[in-house]
Amino acid sequence: MSIRIGIFGYGNLGRGVECAIRQNPDMELVAVFTRRNPETVKTATGAPVYHADLVTEMTDKIDVMILCGGSATDLPVQTPALAKLYNVIDSFDTHAKIPEHFADVDAVAKESGKIGIISVGWDPGMFSLNRLYGSAILVDGKDYTFWGKGVSQGHSDAIRRVEGVLDGKQYTIPVEKALEAVRSGANPELSTREKHIRECFVVAAEGADRERIAEEIKTMPNYFADYDTTVHFISKEELDAHHSGIPHGGFVIRSGKTGIDLEHNHIIEYSLKLDSNPEFTASVLVAYARAAYRMNKEGQCGCKTVLDIAPAYLSTKSAEELRKTLL
């Protein structure tokens, strides 16, 4: 029997989930829910589209609901609300608010007898797991996380909010010198500015004050002020031709020492290079949807994160196959 999946929200991430479901033979996409007029939404696979208001009427047809909204205003409301009805997965990525979000979802999911898995993706998500493994194994050491080179969607949105900007993309880029120092085992103390640079490609309105736009971007608090930031002004045609994708990636590195006198250095490194940030994130969400289904079938309920879930739950293979092929 297939695991019946629903998608709530049909932007870049929702479309990525739709594609990922096709690659998993034990799953089927039952429904896509949108706040838009369903008649205006055409899915890539022809999956049926319903208005979000109808989500309460399909609890007997969907095993796991994958939520594809934003972390700022959508998921804090939607995930607890839908955990009353379904096993749910989300990609909530506001790190500082994860404990609060966990508590909200946990209370509802325990009451409804459902599983809610939050903050699934690559960071938080796969990077979180690798930080845990690294710090548990190399107890005497330091964690380092670098992001990029890749498009930051939140920072790109911030650029587009600047007066006089028609469009723009922002790339987060690790500082190579910092990466080399970490990989050498030097365990450097690195400031925010020393770890990453930000590169912006901006389409300005005709007659707009480019100097003012560049200065406003470079000094924007919480986004660019703490980084060395470069602003390039280009045409809309150049932006579309060379910056239309959403690549990303990064590195998690644990540098540590072992031995009686801590004389031996070790480096654990995990890296990602992603052509499509939303499609990769979607693939992680779909794997954890399988885990949610299996755990709930066992009678488990409440909120979970990637740190709580045994990796065997993610695989289509049986425990016997995993022991034979992967150990």
C-alpha atoms as a PDB file:
ATOM      1  CA  MET A   1       0.000   0.000   0.000  1.00  0.00           C
ATOM      2  CA  SER A   2       1.293   3.446  -0.934  1.00  0.00           C
ATOM      3  CA  ILE A   3       1.833   6.205   1.598  1.00  0.00           C
ATOM      4  CA  ARG A   4      -0.740   8.843   0.660  1.00  0.00           C
ATOM      5  CA  ILE A   5       0.758  12.338   0.630  1.00  0.00           C
ATOM      6  CA  GLY A   6      -0.833  15.779   0.638  1.00  0.00           C
ATOM      7  CA  ILE A   7       1.015  19.002  -0.173  1.00  0.00           C
ATOM      8  CA  PHE A   8      -0.067  22.209   1.548  1.00  0.00           C
ATOM      9  CA  GLY A   9       1.280  25.165  -0.425  1.00  0.00           C
ATOM     10  CA  TYR A  10       2.429  25.075  -4.042  1.00  0.00           C
ATOM     11  CA  GLY A  11       5.413  27.353  -4.550  1.00  0.00           C
ATOM     12  CA  ASN A  12       8.987  26.296  -5.355  1.00  0.00           C
ATOM     13  CA  LEU A  13       9.102  23.898  -2.405  1.00  0.00           C
ATOM     14  CA  GLY A  14       5.693  22.381  -3.118  1.00  0.00           C
ATOM     15  CA  ARG A  15       6.652  21.740  -6.731  1.00  0.00           C
ATOM     16  CA  GLY A  16       9.868  20.124  -5.497  1.00  0.00           C
ATOM     17  CA  VAL A  17       7.886  17.799  -3.214  1.00  0.00           C
ATOM     18  CA  GLU A  18       5.665  16.845  -6.136  1.00  0.00           C
ATOM     19  CA  CYS A  19       8.733  15.852  -8.162  1.00  0.00           C
ATOM     20  CA  ALA A  20      10.300  13.947  -5.248  1.00  0.00           C
ATOM     21  CA  ILE A  21       7.166  11.862  -4.662  1.00  0.00           C
ATOM     22  CA  ARG A  22       7.463  10.543  -8.230  1.00  0.00           C
ATOM     23  CA  GLN A  23      10.901   9.137  -7.343  1.00  0.00           C
ATOM     24  CA  ASN A  24       9.574   7.179  -4.348  1.00  0.00           C
ATOM     25  CA  PRO A  25       7.615   4.111  -5.461  1.00  0.00           C
ATOM     26  CA  ASP A  26       5.976   3.597  -2.066  1.00  0.00           C
ATOM     27  CA  MET A  27       4.248   7.006  -2.187  1.00  0.00           C
ATOM     28  CA  GLU A  28       1.407   8.654  -4.071  1.00  0.00           C
ATOM     29  CA  LEU A  29       0.381  12.306  -4.232  1.00  0.00           C
ATOM     30  CA  VAL A  30      -3.303  12.555  -3.360  1.00  0.00           C
ATOM     31  CA  ALA A  31      -3.892  16.298  -3.258  1.00  0.00           C
ATOM     32  CA  VAL A  32      -2.323  19.746  -3.445  1.00  0.00           C
ATOM     33  CA  PHE A  33      -3.861  22.501  -1.317  1.00  0.00           C
ATOM     34  CA  THR A  34      -3.459  26.177  -2.173  1.00  0.00           C
ATOM     35  CA  ARG A  35      -4.748  29.530  -0.931  1.00  0.00           C
ATOM     36  CA  ARG A  36      -5.004  30.642  -4.555  1.00  0.00           C
ATOM     37  CA  ASN A  37      -7.913  29.885  -6.841  1.00  0.00           C
ATOM     38  CA  PRO A  38      -7.357  26.165  -7.588  1.00  0.00           C
ATOM     39  CA  GLU A  39      -8.489  26.681 -11.174  1.00  0.00           C
ATOM     40  CA  THR A  40      -5.436  28.882 -11.777  1.00  0.00           C
ATOM     41  CA  VAL A  41      -2.933  26.311 -10.425  1.00  0.00           C
ATOM     42  CA  LYS A  42      -1.618  23.657 -12.811  1.00  0.00           C
ATOM     43  CA  THR A  43       0.516  20.931 -11.214  1.00  0.00           C
ATOM     44  CA  ALA A  44       3.450  19.357 -13.033  1.00  0.00           C
ATOM     45  CA  THR A  45       2.060  15.824 -12.692  1.00  0.00           C
ATOM     46  CA  GLY A  46      -1.629  16.589 -13.048  1.00  0.00           C
ATOM     47  CA  ALA A  47      -2.286  16.061  -9.337  1.00  0.00           C
ATOM     48  CA  PRO A  48      -5.654  17.419  -8.182  1.00  0.00           C
ATOM     49  CA  VAL A  49      -5.640  20.885  -6.593  1.00  0.00           C
ATOM     50  CA  TYR A  50      -8.023  22.000  -3.846  1.00  0.00           C
ATOM     51  CA  HIS A  51      -8.530  25.243  -1.989  1.00  0.00           C
ATOM     52  CA  ALA A  52      -6.851  25.337   1.427  1.00  0.00           C
ATOM     53  CA  ASP A  53     -10.248  25.657   3.080  1.00  0.00           C
ATOM     54  CA  LEU A  54     -11.002  22.045   2.076  1.00  0.00           C
ATOM     55  CA  VAL A  55      -8.021  20.585   3.925  1.00  0.00           C
ATOM     56  CA  THR A  56     -10.188  19.519   6.866  1.00  0.00           C
ATOM     57  CA  GLU A  57     -12.316  17.287   4.630  1.00  0.00           C
ATOM     58  CA  MET A  58      -9.678  14.756   3.471  1.00  0.00           C
ATOM     59  CA  THR A  59      -8.382  13.239   6.708  1.00  0.00           C
ATOM     60  CA  ASP A  60      -9.405   9.746   5.581  1.00  0.00           C
ATOM     61  CA  LYS A  61      -7.527  10.044   2.278  1.00  0.00           C
ATOM     62  CA  ILE A  62      -4.104  11.404   3.361  1.00  0.00           C
ATOM     63  CA  ASP A  63      -1.512   9.720   5.589  1.00  0.00           C
ATOM     64  CA  VAL A  64       1.039  12.563   5.770  1.00  0.00           C
ATOM     65  CA  MET A  65       0.666  16.258   4.976  1.00  0.00           C
ATOM     66  CA  ILE A  66       3.847  18.034   3.842  1.00  0.00           C
ATOM     67  CA  LEU A  67       3.688  21.741   4.609  1.00  0.00           C
ATOM     68  CA  CYS A  68       5.449  24.004   2.118  1.00  0.00           C
ATOM     69  CA  GLY A  69       4.782  27.476   3.510  1.00  0.00           C
ATOM     70  CA  GLY A  70       7.189  30.053   4.876  1.00  0.00           C
ATOM     71  CA  SER A  71       8.704  30.077   8.344  1.00  0.00           C
ATOM     72  CA  ALA A  72       7.944  33.713   9.126  1.00  0.00           C
ATOM     73  CA  THR A  73       4.147  33.647   9.234  1.00  0.00           C
ATOM     74  CA  ASP A  74       2.820  30.424   7.646  1.00  0.00           C
ATOM     75  CA  LEU A  75       4.297  27.458   9.506  1.00  0.00           C
ATOM     76  CA  PRO A  76       3.931  28.759  13.091  1.00  0.00           C
ATOM     77  CA  VAL A  77       0.169  28.745  12.479  1.00  0.00           C
ATOM     78  CA  GLN A  78      -0.304  26.002   9.898  1.00  0.00           C
ATOM     79  CA  THR A  79       1.756  23.183  11.427  1.00  0.00           C
ATOM     80  CA  PRO A  80      -0.019  23.106  14.818  1.00  0.00           C
ATOM     81  CA  ALA A  81      -3.392  23.550  13.120  1.00  0.00           C
ATOM     82  CA  LEU A  82      -2.881  20.665  10.694  1.00  0.00           C
ATOM     83  CA  ALA A  83      -1.254  18.418  13.339  1.00  0.00           C
ATOM     84  CA  LYS A  84      -4.752  18.187  14.822  1.00  0.00           C
ATOM     85  CA  LEU A  85      -5.797  16.303  11.677  1.00  0.00           C
ATOM     86  CA  TYR A  86      -2.754  14.733  10.019  1.00  0.00           C
ATOM     87  CA  ASN A  87       0.763  13.495  10.480  1.00  0.00           C
ATOM     88  CA  VAL A  88       2.717  16.567   9.337  1.00  0.00           C
ATOM     89  CA  ILE A  89       6.187  17.547   8.123  1.00  0.00           C
ATOM     90  CA  ASP A  90       7.517  21.084   7.820  1.00  0.00           C
ATOM     91  CA  SER A  91      10.780  22.878   7.012  1.00  0.00           C
ATOM     92  CA  PHE A  92      10.580  25.564   9.722  1.00  0.00           C
ATOM     93  CA  ASP A  93      14.017  27.194   9.632  1.00  0.00           C
ATOM     94  CA  THR A  94      13.976  30.105  12.077  1.00  0.00           C
ATOM     95  CA  HIS A  95      16.611  28.517  14.329  1.00  0.00           C
ATOM     96  CA  ALA A  96      16.016  30.704  17.389  1.00  0.00           C
ATOM     97  CA  LYS A  97      12.293  29.898  17.431  1.00  0.00           C
ATOM     98  CA  ILE A  98      12.517  26.125  16.945  1.00  0.00           C
ATOM     99  CA  PRO A  99      12.014  25.303  20.678  1.00  0.00           C
ATOM    100  CA  GLU A 100       8.845  27.406  20.754  1.00  0.00           C
ATOM    101  CA  HIS A 101       7.546  25.882  17.510  1.00  0.00           C
ATOM    102  CA  PHE A 102       8.351  22.376  18.784  1.00  0.00           C
ATOM    103  CA  ALA A 103       6.342  22.955  21.961  1.00  0.00           C
ATOM    104  CA  ASP A 104       3.322  24.230  20.008  1.00  0.00           C
ATOM    105  CA  VAL A 105       3.284  21.266  17.631  1.00  0.00           C
ATOM    106  CA  ASP A 106       4.068  18.716  20.355  1.00  0.00           C
ATOM    107  CA  ALA A 107       1.074  19.681  22.486  1.00  0.00           C
ATOM    108  CA  VAL A 108      -1.348  19.374  19.568  1.00  0.00           C
ATOM    109  CA  ALA A 109       0.141  16.188  18.087  1.00  0.00           C
ATOM    110  CA  LYS A 110       0.092  14.354  21.414  1.00  0.00           C
ATOM    111  CA  GLU A 111      -3.558  15.243  21.857  1.00  0.00           C
ATOM    112  CA  SER A 112      -4.497  14.146  18.323  1.00  0.00           C
ATOM    113  CA  GLY A 113      -2.304  11.032  18.328  1.00  0.00           C
ATOM    114  CA  LYS A 114      -0.361  12.230  15.274  1.00  0.00           C
ATOM    115  CA  ILE A 115       3.332  12.669  14.483  1.00  0.00           C
ATOM    116  CA  GLY A 116       4.678  16.135  13.652  1.00  0.00           C
ATOM    117  CA  ILE A 117       8.243  16.364  12.328  1.00  0.00           C
ATOM    118  CA  ILE A 118       9.506  19.954  12.170  1.00  0.00           C
ATOM    119  CA  SER A 119      12.560  21.764  10.796  1.00  0.00           C
ATOM    120  CA  VAL A 120      13.276  19.174   8.107  1.00  0.00           C
ATOM    121  CA  GLY A 121      15.665  20.113   5.316  1.00  0.00           C
ATOM    122  CA  TRP A 122      19.407  20.606   5.089  1.00  0.00           C
ATOM    123  CA  ASP A 123      19.905  23.374   7.657  1.00  0.00           C
ATOM    124  CA  PRO A 124      18.145  22.790   9.937  1.00  0.00           C
ATOM    125  CA  GLY A 125      18.063  19.099   9.072  1.00  0.00           C
ATOM    126  CA  MET A 126      21.010  17.248   7.531  1.00  0.00           C
ATOM    127  CA  PHE A 127      23.498  19.814   8.832  1.00  0.00           C
ATOM    128  CA  SER A 128      21.975  19.486  12.314  1.00  0.00           C
ATOM    129  CA  LEU A 129      22.569  15.724  12.262  1.00  0.00           C
ATOM    130  CA  ASN A 130      26.171  16.176  11.205  1.00  0.00           C
ATOM    131  CA  ARG A 131      26.793  18.741  13.945  1.00  0.00           C
ATOM    132  CA  LEU A 132      25.419  16.212  16.443  1.00  0.00           C
ATOM    133  CA  TYR A 133      27.519  13.315  15.130  1.00  0.00           C
ATOM    134  CA  GLY A 134      30.660  15.425  15.035  1.00  0.00           C
ATOM    135  CA  SER A 135      30.361  16.826  18.547  1.00  0.00           C
ATOM    136  CA  ALA A 136      29.438  13.431  20.023  1.00  0.00           C
ATOM    137  CA  ILE A 137      32.465  11.720  18.454  1.00  0.00           C
ATOM    138  CA  LEU A 138      35.097  14.459  18.748  1.00  0.00           C
ATOM    139  CA  VAL A 139      34.236  15.734  22.212  1.00  0.00           C
ATOM    140  CA  ASP A 140      37.218  18.074  22.426  1.00  0.00           C
ATOM    141  CA  GLY A 141      36.707  20.277  19.381  1.00  0.00           C
ATOM    142  CA  LYS A 142      34.720  22.938  17.554  1.00  0.00           C
ATOM    143  CA  ASP A 143      31.852  23.029  15.076  1.00  0.00           C
ATOM    144  CA  TYR A 144      31.996  25.210  11.974  1.00  0.00           C
ATOM    145  CA  THR A 145      29.160  25.730   9.502  1.00  0.00           C
ATOM    146  CA  PHE A 146      29.658  27.492   6.172  1.00  0.00           C
ATOM    147  CA  TRP A 147      26.851  28.206   3.705  1.00  0.00           C
ATOM    148  CA  GLY A 148      27.202  28.622  -0.044  1.00  0.00           C
ATOM    149  CA  LYS A 149      28.088  29.422  -2.625  1.00  0.00           C
ATOM    150  CA  GLY A 150      24.385  29.826  -3.132  1.00  0.00           C
ATOM    151  CA  VAL A 151      21.324  32.025  -3.402  1.00  0.00           C
ATOM    152  CA  SER A 152      19.816  33.182  -0.131  1.00  0.00           C
ATOM    153  CA  GLN A 153      16.105  33.604  -0.837  1.00  0.00           C
ATOM    154  CA  GLY A 154      15.483  35.681   2.300  1.00  0.00           C
ATOM    155  CA  HIS A 155      18.350  38.061   1.563  1.00  0.00           C
ATOM    156  CA  SER A 156      17.286  38.317  -2.075  1.00  0.00           C
ATOM    157  CA  ASP A 157      13.801  39.300  -0.903  1.00  0.00           C
ATOM    158  CA  ALA A 158      15.375  41.946   1.339  1.00  0.00           C
ATOM    159  CA  ILE A 159      17.188  43.434  -1.658  1.00  0.00           C
ATOM    160  CA  ARG A 160      13.957  43.636  -3.634  1.00  0.00           C
ATOM    161  CA  ARG A 161      12.312  45.631  -0.841  1.00  0.00           C
ATOM    162  CA  VAL A 162      14.791  48.492  -1.285  1.00  0.00           C
ATOM    163  CA  GLU A 163      13.250  51.496  -3.025  1.00  0.00           C
ATOM    164  CA  GLY A 164      14.356  51.700  -6.654  1.00  0.00           C
ATOM    165  CA  VAL A 165      15.137  47.968  -6.972  1.00  0.00           C
ATOM    166  CA  LEU A 166      13.155  46.085  -9.609  1.00  0.00           C
ATOM    167  CA  ASP A 167      14.736  42.673  -9.003  1.00  0.00           C
ATOM    168  CA  GLY A 168      17.791  41.109  -7.427  1.00  0.00           C
ATOM    169  CA  LYS A 169      19.625  37.992  -6.251  1.00  0.00           C
ATOM    170  CA  GLN A 170      22.038  37.606  -3.367  1.00  0.00           C
ATOM    171  CA  TYR A 171      24.737  34.935  -3.073  1.00  0.00           C
ATOM    172  CA  THR A 172      26.270  33.807   0.212  1.00  0.00           C
ATOM    173  CA  ILE A 173      29.902  32.786  -0.337  1.00  0.00           C
ATOM    174  CA  PRO A 174      32.263  31.164   2.206  1.00  0.00           C
ATOM    175  CA  VAL A 175      35.579  32.952   2.719  1.00  0.00           C
ATOM    176  CA  GLU A 176      38.179  30.549   1.333  1.00  0.00           C
ATOM    177  CA  LYS A 177      40.844  31.617   3.820  1.00  0.00           C
ATOM    178  CA  ALA A 178      38.522  30.772   6.728  1.00  0.00           C
ATOM    179  CA  LEU A 179      37.672  27.396   5.228  1.00  0.00           C
ATOM    180  CA  GLU A 180      41.354  26.564   4.809  1.00  0.00           C
ATOM    181  CA  ALA A 181      42.115  27.519   8.407  1.00  0.00           C
ATOM    182  CA  VAL A 182      39.348  25.250   9.712  1.00  0.00           C
ATOM    183  CA  ARG A 183      40.363  22.330   7.488  1.00  0.00           C
ATOM    184  CA  SER A 184      43.939  22.647   8.702  1.00  0.00           C
ATOM    185  CA  GLY A 185      42.848  21.915  12.273  1.00  0.00           C
ATOM    186  CA  ALA A 186      43.824  25.376  13.530  1.00  0.00           C
ATOM    187  CA  ASN A 187      40.441  25.781  15.321  1.00  0.00           C
ATOM    188  CA  PRO A 188      40.273  29.521  14.577  1.00  0.00           C
ATOM    189  CA  GLU A 189      37.890  31.928  16.279  1.00  0.00           C
ATOM    190  CA  LEU A 190      35.975  33.441  13.367  1.00  0.00           C
ATOM    191  CA  SER A 191      33.678  36.445  13.339  1.00  0.00           C
ATOM    192  CA  THR A 192      30.596  36.607  11.127  1.00  0.00           C
ATOM    193  CA  ARG A 193      32.454  38.848   8.673  1.00  0.00           C
ATOM    194  CA  GLU A 194      35.410  36.470   8.519  1.00  0.00           C
ATOM    195  CA  LYS A 195      33.320  33.436   7.535  1.00  0.00           C
ATOM    196  CA  HIS A 196      31.137  34.664   4.652  1.00  0.00           C
ATOM    197  CA  ILE A 197      30.854  37.399   2.068  1.00  0.00           C
ATOM    198  CA  ARG A 198      27.657  38.492   0.333  1.00  0.00           C
ATOM    199  CA  GLU A 199      27.443  39.302  -3.376  1.00  0.00           C
ATOM    200  CA  CYS A 200      24.371  41.073  -4.745  1.00  0.00           C
ATOM    201  CA  PHE A 201      23.166  41.407  -8.323  1.00  0.00           C
ATOM    202  CA  VAL A 202      20.622  44.206  -8.624  1.00  0.00           C
ATOM    203  CA  VAL A 203      18.313  45.449 -11.374  1.00  0.00           C
ATOM    204  CA  ALA A 204      17.654  49.124 -10.635  1.00  0.00           C
ATOM    205  CA  ALA A 205      14.765  51.194 -11.919  1.00  0.00           C
ATOM    206  CA  GLU A 206      15.587  53.734 -14.599  1.00  0.00           C
ATOM    207  CA  GLY A 207      16.866  56.929 -12.979  1.00  0.00           C
ATOM    208  CA  ALA A 208      17.207  55.349  -9.523  1.00  0.00           C
ATOM    209  CA  ASP A 209      20.054  56.508  -7.295  1.00  0.00           C
ATOM    210  CA  ARG A 210      22.429  53.540  -7.484  1.00  0.00           C
ATOM    211  CA  GLU A 211      24.811  54.859  -4.857  1.00  0.00           C
ATOM    212  CA  ARG A 212      21.941  55.195  -2.399  1.00  0.00           C
ATOM    213  CA  ILE A 213      20.667  51.692  -3.222  1.00  0.00           C
ATOM    214  CA  ALA A 214      24.123  50.149  -2.752  1.00  0.00           C
ATOM    215  CA  GLU A 215      24.643  51.942   0.563  1.00  0.00           C
ATOM    216  CA  GLU A 216      21.198  50.946   1.827  1.00  0.00           C
ATOM    217  CA  ILE A 217      21.880  47.296   1.000  1.00  0.00           C
ATOM    218  CA  LYS A 218      25.362  47.254   2.538  1.00  0.00           C
ATOM    219  CA  THR A 219      24.193  48.814   5.803  1.00  0.00           C
ATOM    220  CA  MET A 220      20.949  46.823   6.175  1.00  0.00           C
ATOM    221  CA  PRO A 221      20.855  45.451   9.735  1.00  0.00           C
ATOM    222  CA  ASN A 222      20.363  41.692  10.255  1.00  0.00           C
ATOM    223  CA  TYR A 223      21.092  41.064   6.574  1.00  0.00           C
ATOM    224  CA  PHE A 224      24.229  42.747   5.224  1.00  0.00           C
ATOM    225  CA  ALA A 225      25.699  45.141   7.798  1.00  0.00           C
ATOM    226  CA  ASP A 226      27.856  42.445   9.435  1.00  0.00           C
ATOM    227  CA  TYR A 227      29.348  41.205   6.165  1.00  0.00           C
ATOM    228  CA  ASP A 228      31.662  42.415   3.414  1.00  0.00           C
ATOM    229  CA  THR A 229      29.047  42.997   0.725  1.00  0.00           C
ATOM    230  CA  THR A 230      29.491  43.724  -2.978  1.00  0.00           C
ATOM    231  CA  VAL A 231      26.652  45.157  -5.080  1.00  0.00           C
ATOM    232  CA  HIS A 232      26.645  44.745  -8.880  1.00  0.00           C
ATOM    233  CA  PHE A 233      24.084  46.566 -11.036  1.00  0.00           C
ATOM    234  CA  ILE A 234      23.013  44.548 -14.070  1.00  0.00           C
ATOM    235  CA  SER A 235      20.146  44.472 -16.579  1.00  0.00           C
ATOM    236  CA  LYS A 236      17.016  42.369 -16.171  1.00  0.00           C
ATOM    237  CA  GLU A 237      18.146  40.343 -19.180  1.00  0.00           C
ATOM    238  CA  GLU A 238      21.488  39.566 -17.517  1.00  0.00           C
ATOM    239  CA  LEU A 239      19.759  38.587 -14.268  1.00  0.00           C
ATOM    240  CA  ASP A 240      17.389  36.232 -16.073  1.00  0.00           C
ATOM    241  CA  ALA A 241      20.172  34.749 -18.204  1.00  0.00           C
ATOM    242  CA  HIS A 242      22.775  34.159 -15.490  1.00  0.00           C
ATOM    243  CA  HIS A 243      20.985  34.192 -12.123  1.00  0.00           C
ATOM    244  CA  SER A 244      17.633  32.445 -12.634  1.00  0.00           C
ATOM    245  CA  GLY A 245      18.461  29.303 -10.643  1.00  0.00           C
ATOM    246  CA  ILE A 246      18.299  28.658  -6.897  1.00  0.00           C
ATOM    247  CA  PRO A 247      21.561  26.801  -6.155  1.00  0.00           C
ATOM    248  CA  HIS A 248      22.952  26.470  -2.639  1.00  0.00           C
ATOM    249  CA  GLY A 249      25.003  24.222  -0.403  1.00  0.00           C
ATOM    250  CA  GLY A 250      27.648  24.430   2.260  1.00  0.00           C
ATOM    251  CA  PHE A 251      29.866  22.626   4.742  1.00  0.00           C
ATOM    252  CA  VAL A 252      29.646  21.331   8.299  1.00  0.00           C
ATOM    253  CA  ILE A 253      33.086  20.742   9.762  1.00  0.00           C
ATOM    254  CA  ARG A 254      34.019  19.351  13.170  1.00  0.00           C
ATOM    255  CA  SER A 255      37.646  19.856  14.139  1.00  0.00           C
ATOM    256  CA  GLY A 256      38.750  17.903  17.192  1.00  0.00           C
ATOM    257  CA  LYS A 257      41.589  16.261  19.091  1.00  0.00           C
ATOM    258  CA  THR A 258      42.153  12.860  20.703  1.00  0.00           C
ATOM    259  CA  GLY A 259      44.931  11.210  22.718  1.00  0.00           C
ATOM    260  CA  ILE A 260      46.264  11.432  26.261  1.00  0.00           C
ATOM    261  CA  ASP A 261      47.790  14.822  25.505  1.00  0.00           C
ATOM    262  CA  LEU A 262      45.304  15.674  22.727  1.00  0.00           C
ATOM    263  CA  GLU A 263      48.150  15.226  20.298  1.00  0.00           C
ATOM    264  CA  HIS A 264      46.136  13.928  17.324  1.00  0.00           C
ATOM    265  CA  ASN A 265      43.975  16.157  15.143  1.00  0.00           C
ATOM    266  CA  HIS A 266      40.865  14.990  13.284  1.00  0.00           C
ATOM    267  CA  ILE A 267      38.507  16.639  10.812  1.00  0.00           C
ATOM    268  CA  ILE A 268      34.977  15.507  10.010  1.00  0.00           C
ATOM    269  CA  GLU A 269      33.490  17.280   7.000  1.00  0.00           C
ATOM    270  CA  TYR A 270      30.057  17.027   5.397  1.00  0.00           C
ATOM    271  CA  SER A 271      29.300  19.080   2.311  1.00  0.00           C
ATOM    272  CA  LEU A 272      26.437  19.761  -0.068  1.00  0.00           C
ATOM    273  CA  LYS A 273      26.432  21.271  -3.542  1.00  0.00           C
ATOM    274  CA  LEU A 274      22.877  21.807  -4.699  1.00  0.00           C
ATOM    275  CA  ASP A 275      21.617  22.845  -8.137  1.00  0.00           C
ATOM    276  CA  SER A 276      18.178  23.466  -6.613  1.00  0.00           C
ATOM    277  CA  ASN A 277      17.789  24.354  -2.962  1.00  0.00           C
ATOM    278  CA  PRO A 278      13.984  23.787  -2.892  1.00  0.00           C
ATOM    279  CA  GLU A 279      14.143  20.475  -4.754  1.00  0.00           C
ATOM    280  CA  PHE A 280      16.796  19.079  -2.404  1.00  0.00           C
ATOM    281  CA  THR A 281      14.882  20.309   0.644  1.00  0.00           C
ATOM    282  CA  ALA A 282      11.766  18.685  -0.800  1.00  0.00           C
ATOM    283  CA  SER A 283      13.590  15.361  -1.141  1.00  0.00           C
ATOM    284  CA  VAL A 284      14.509  15.466   2.548  1.00  0.00           C
ATOM    285  CA  LEU A 285      10.906  16.287   3.478  1.00  0.00           C
ATOM    286  CA  VAL A 286       9.627  13.296   1.504  1.00  0.00           C
ATOM    287  CA  ALA A 287      12.062  10.892   3.190  1.00  0.00           C
ATOM    288  CA  TYR A 288      10.894  12.095   6.600  1.00  0.00           C
ATOM    289  CA  ALA A 289       7.272  11.721   5.507  1.00  0.00           C
ATOM    290  CA  ARG A 290       7.998   7.987   5.281  1.00  0.00           C
ATOM    291  CA  ALA A 291       9.390   8.102   8.810  1.00  0.00           C
ATOM    292  CA  ALA A 292       6.323   9.919  10.109  1.00  0.00           C
ATOM    293  CA  TYR A 293       4.009   7.344   8.556  1.00  0.00           C
ATOM    294  CA  ARG A 294       5.932   4.387   9.983  1.00  0.00           C
ATOM    295  CA  MET A 295       6.329   5.876  13.454  1.00  0.00           C
ATOM    296  CA  ASN A 296       2.649   6.732  13.701  1.00  0.00           C
ATOM    297  CA  LYS A 297       1.723   3.201  12.571  1.00  0.00           C
ATOM    298  CA  GLU A 298       3.767   1.975  15.541  1.00  0.00           C
ATOM    299  CA  GLY A 299       1.655   4.129  17.835  1.00  0.00           C
ATOM    300  CA  GLN A 300       4.074   7.012  18.307  1.00  0.00           C
ATOM    301  CA  CYS A 301       2.808  10.573  18.498  1.00  0.00           C
ATOM    302  CA  GLY A 302       3.977  14.083  19.343  1.00  0.00           C
ATOM    303  CA  CYS A 303       6.575  16.352  17.775  1.00  0.00           C
ATOM    304  CA  LYS A 304       9.944  15.083  16.545  1.00  0.00           C
ATOM    305  CA  THR A 305      12.996  16.538  14.813  1.00  0.00           C
ATOM    306  CA  VAL A 306      15.664  14.887  12.683  1.00  0.00           C
ATOM    307  CA  LEU A 307      17.690  14.448  15.880  1.00  0.00           C
ATOM    308  CA  ASP A 308      15.048  12.099  17.308  1.00  0.00           C
ATOM    309  CA  ILE A 309      14.523   9.761  14.351  1.00  0.00           C
ATOM    310  CA  ALA A 310      16.527   6.615  13.609  1.00  0.00           C
ATOM    311  CA  PRO A 311      17.838   6.677  10.016  1.00  0.00           C
ATOM    312  CA  ALA A 312      16.297   3.294   9.158  1.00  0.00           C
ATOM    313  CA  TYR A 313      12.859   4.931   9.215  1.00  0.00           C
ATOM    314  CA  LEU A 314      13.834   7.012   6.159  1.00  0.00           C
ATOM    315  CA  SER A 315      14.693   4.161   3.811  1.00  0.00           C
ATOM    316  CA  THR A 316      12.463   2.084   1.557  1.00  0.00           C
ATOM    317  CA  LYS A 317      14.635  -0.924   2.451  1.00  0.00           C
ATOM    318  CA  SER A 318      13.839  -3.316   5.267  1.00  0.00           C
ATOM    319  CA  ALA A 319      16.049  -3.542   8.336  1.00  0.00           C
ATOM    320  CA  GLU A 320      17.462  -6.813   6.999  1.00  0.00           C
ATOM    321  CA  GLU A 321      18.317  -5.232   3.631  1.00  0.00           C
ATOM    322  CA  LEU A 322      19.963  -2.256   5.321  1.00  0.00           C
ATOM    323  CA  ARG A 323      22.145  -4.488   7.475  1.00  0.00           C
ATOM    324  CA  LYS A 324      23.154  -6.527   4.433  1.00  0.00           C
ATOM    325  CA  THR A 325      23.850  -3.653   2.044  1.00  0.00           C
ATOM    326  CA  LEU A 326      25.009  -0.709   4.166  1.00  0.00           C
ATOM    327  CA  LEU A 327      26.721  -1.981   7.286  1.00  0.00           C
END
